[in-house]
């Protein structure tokens, strides 16, 4: 992949207009509840992948340190799918949460995305149906510099 991608930690949730546009592009606007305020049960952070200062992908990270990070709403704009950007951002998410002391990712795969997550070494959780999990190896080589806060 020859694209000049940037991983960004967003200071706030994307504006509803942006989030709804990503959901519409992902054909998920009718499946997901409307955007809400941060969940009081834990820390929620949003990350983005940018190309030429334009957001082309976003993900919501629900952090329950040190146990796990639940990844939700990972969406890449349709015109950039199939270019390896989803794999790229997942690796950066792994490195980011590993830096926070979190060693497990959890998520529920949207319809048709199981193969993508299996290619990222996610496995079926033995207890919760439809939940996928991945234990992150803390000794894997770092692939990028952590984002500035």
Protein backbone atom coordinates (compact mmCIF):
# COMPACT_ATOMS: atom_id res chain seq x y z
CA UNK A 1 0.00 0.00 0.00
CA UNK A 2 1.56 3.28 -1.11
CA UNK A 3 -0.94 5.65 0.50
CA UNK A 4 0.25 8.28 2.98
CA UNK A 5 -2.09 7.33 5.82
CA UNK A 6 -2.22 8.93 9.26
CA UNK A 7 -3.64 7.43 12.47
CA UNK A 8 -5.31 10.09 14.60
CA UNK A 9 -6.74 10.02 18.10
CA UNK A 10 -9.75 12.33 17.94
CA UNK A 11 -10.24 14.84 20.75
CA UNK A 12 -14.00 14.32 20.67
CA UNK A 13 -16.58 12.09 19.03
CA UNK A 14 -17.09 12.91 15.38
CA UNK A 15 -19.96 15.33 14.78
CA UNK A 16 -23.26 13.52 14.24
CA UNK A 17 -23.24 14.64 10.61
CA UNK A 18 -19.88 12.94 9.99
CA UNK A 19 -20.81 9.78 11.88
CA UNK A 20 -24.13 9.48 10.09
CA UNK A 21 -22.39 9.95 6.72
CA UNK A 22 -19.97 7.09 7.53
CA UNK A 23 -22.90 4.91 8.65
CA UNK A 24 -24.83 5.69 5.46
CA UNK A 25 -21.79 4.89 3.30
CA UNK A 26 -21.37 1.60 5.20
CA UNK A 27 -25.06 0.84 4.64
CA UNK A 28 -25.43 0.61 8.42
CA UNK A 29 -27.51 3.70 9.17
CA UNK A 30 -30.69 1.70 9.73
CA UNK A 31 -28.96 -0.97 11.84
CA UNK A 32 -27.30 1.24 14.41
CA UNK A 33 -28.91 3.45 17.03
CA UNK A 34 -28.49 7.20 16.63
CA UNK A 35 -25.23 8.62 18.00
CA UNK A 36 -25.32 9.19 21.75
CA UNK A 37 -23.21 10.85 24.39
CA UNK A 38 -20.26 9.03 25.92
CA UNK A 39 -21.11 5.96 27.96
CA UNK A 40 -20.68 6.71 31.69
CA UNK A 41 -19.52 3.13 32.37
CA UNK A 42 -16.12 3.53 30.74
CA UNK A 43 -13.83 5.61 28.62
CA UNK A 44 -14.74 6.03 24.97
CA UNK A 45 -12.22 7.26 22.43
CA UNK A 46 -12.54 7.74 18.69
CA UNK A 47 -9.73 7.19 16.22
CA UNK A 48 -9.53 8.03 12.55
CA UNK A 49 -7.45 7.13 9.55
CA UNK A 50 -6.73 10.12 7.34
CA UNK A 51 -5.48 10.47 3.80
CA UNK A 52 -4.37 13.97 2.78
CA UNK A 53 -6.02 15.38 5.94
CA UNK A 54 -9.38 13.85 5.02
CA UNK A 55 -10.98 11.25 7.29
CA UNK A 56 -11.49 8.08 5.30
CA UNK A 57 -12.13 5.78 8.24
CA UNK A 58 -13.18 5.92 11.89
CA UNK A 59 -13.53 3.58 14.84
CA UNK A 60 -15.00 3.85 18.31
CA UNK A 61 -12.89 2.32 21.10
CA UNK A 62 -14.59 1.47 24.38
CA UNK A 63 -11.71 1.10 26.81
CA UNK A 64 -12.02 -1.11 29.88
CA UNK A 65 -8.39 -1.06 30.92
CA UNK A 66 -6.56 -3.16 31.74
CA UNK A 67 -8.94 -5.94 30.67
CA UNK A 68 -9.98 -5.17 27.11
CA UNK A 69 -10.92 -2.70 24.40
CA UNK A 70 -14.23 -3.15 22.59
CA UNK A 71 -13.94 -1.93 19.00
CA UNK A 72 -17.19 -0.69 17.52
CA UNK A 73 -18.17 1.28 14.48
CA UNK A 74 -15.03 0.56 12.50
CA UNK A 75 -15.91 1.99 9.09
CA UNK A 76 -13.82 2.75 6.03
CA UNK A 77 -15.34 4.85 3.24
CA UNK A 78 -16.53 2.55 0.48
CA UNK A 79 -14.26 3.97 -2.21
CA UNK A 80 -11.22 3.05 -0.09
CA UNK A 81 -12.25 -0.51 0.80
CA UNK A 82 -10.20 -3.39 -0.53
CA UNK A 83 -6.98 -1.39 -0.32
CA UNK A 84 -5.72 -2.76 3.01
CA UNK A 85 -6.77 0.28 5.03
CA UNK A 86 -8.92 -1.77 7.41
CA UNK A 87 -5.94 -4.02 8.19
CA UNK A 88 -3.75 -0.93 8.57
CA UNK A 89 -6.02 0.77 11.11
CA UNK A 90 -6.58 -2.44 13.10
CA UNK A 91 -2.81 -2.81 13.54
CA UNK A 92 -2.58 0.78 14.75
CA UNK A 93 -5.48 0.24 17.14
CA UNK A 94 -3.67 -2.80 18.54
CA UNK A 95 -0.49 -0.80 19.09
CA UNK A 96 -2.40 2.10 20.62
CA UNK A 97 -4.29 0.00 23.19
CA UNK A 98 -1.20 -2.06 23.95
CA UNK A 99 0.45 1.22 24.93
CA UNK A 100 -2.42 1.72 27.39
CA UNK A 101 -1.73 -1.69 28.94
CA UNK A 102 -4.67 -3.44 27.24
CA UNK A 103 -3.94 -6.85 25.76
CA UNK A 104 -7.30 -7.95 24.37
CA UNK A 105 -9.60 -6.62 21.65
CA UNK A 106 -13.26 -7.56 21.47
CA UNK A 107 -15.85 -6.81 18.80
CA UNK A 108 -19.02 -8.02 17.15
CA UNK A 109 -18.47 -8.40 13.43
CA UNK A 110 -21.05 -6.86 11.13
CA UNK A 111 -22.64 -9.13 8.55
CA UNK A 112 -20.14 -10.09 5.88
CA UNK A 113 -17.03 -9.03 7.81
CA UNK A 114 -16.16 -12.28 9.60
CA UNK A 115 -13.46 -13.20 7.06
CA UNK A 116 -11.80 -9.78 7.47
CA UNK A 117 -11.53 -10.21 11.24
CA UNK A 118 -10.42 -13.84 10.99
CA UNK A 119 -7.60 -12.65 8.69
CA UNK A 120 -6.61 -10.35 11.58
CA UNK A 121 -6.37 -13.39 13.94
CA UNK A 122 -9.66 -12.76 15.74
CA UNK A 123 -11.36 -15.91 17.06
CA UNK A 124 -14.84 -16.72 18.29
CA UNK A 125 -15.30 -16.01 21.99
CA UNK A 126 -16.18 -19.32 23.70
CA UNK A 127 -18.79 -17.73 25.97
CA UNK A 128 -20.55 -14.94 24.05
CA UNK A 129 -22.07 -15.82 20.65
CA UNK A 130 -21.09 -13.47 17.76
CA UNK A 131 -18.32 -11.91 19.89
CA UNK A 132 -14.83 -12.08 18.40
CA UNK A 133 -11.68 -11.62 20.42
CA UNK A 134 -7.98 -11.21 19.88
CA UNK A 135 -5.24 -11.40 22.45
CA UNK A 136 -2.49 -8.96 21.53
CA UNK A 137 1.10 -10.10 21.78
CA UNK A 138 2.97 -7.46 23.82
CA UNK A 139 6.23 -8.47 22.13
CA UNK A 140 5.11 -7.72 18.58
CA UNK A 141 7.25 -5.08 16.91
CA UNK A 142 5.92 -1.54 16.97
CA UNK A 143 4.85 -0.36 13.55
CA UNK A 144 4.39 3.35 14.17
CA UNK A 145 4.95 6.14 16.62
CA UNK A 146 2.06 6.61 19.09
CA UNK A 147 -0.25 9.53 18.31
CA UNK A 148 0.31 12.80 20.08
CA UNK A 149 -2.39 13.73 22.57
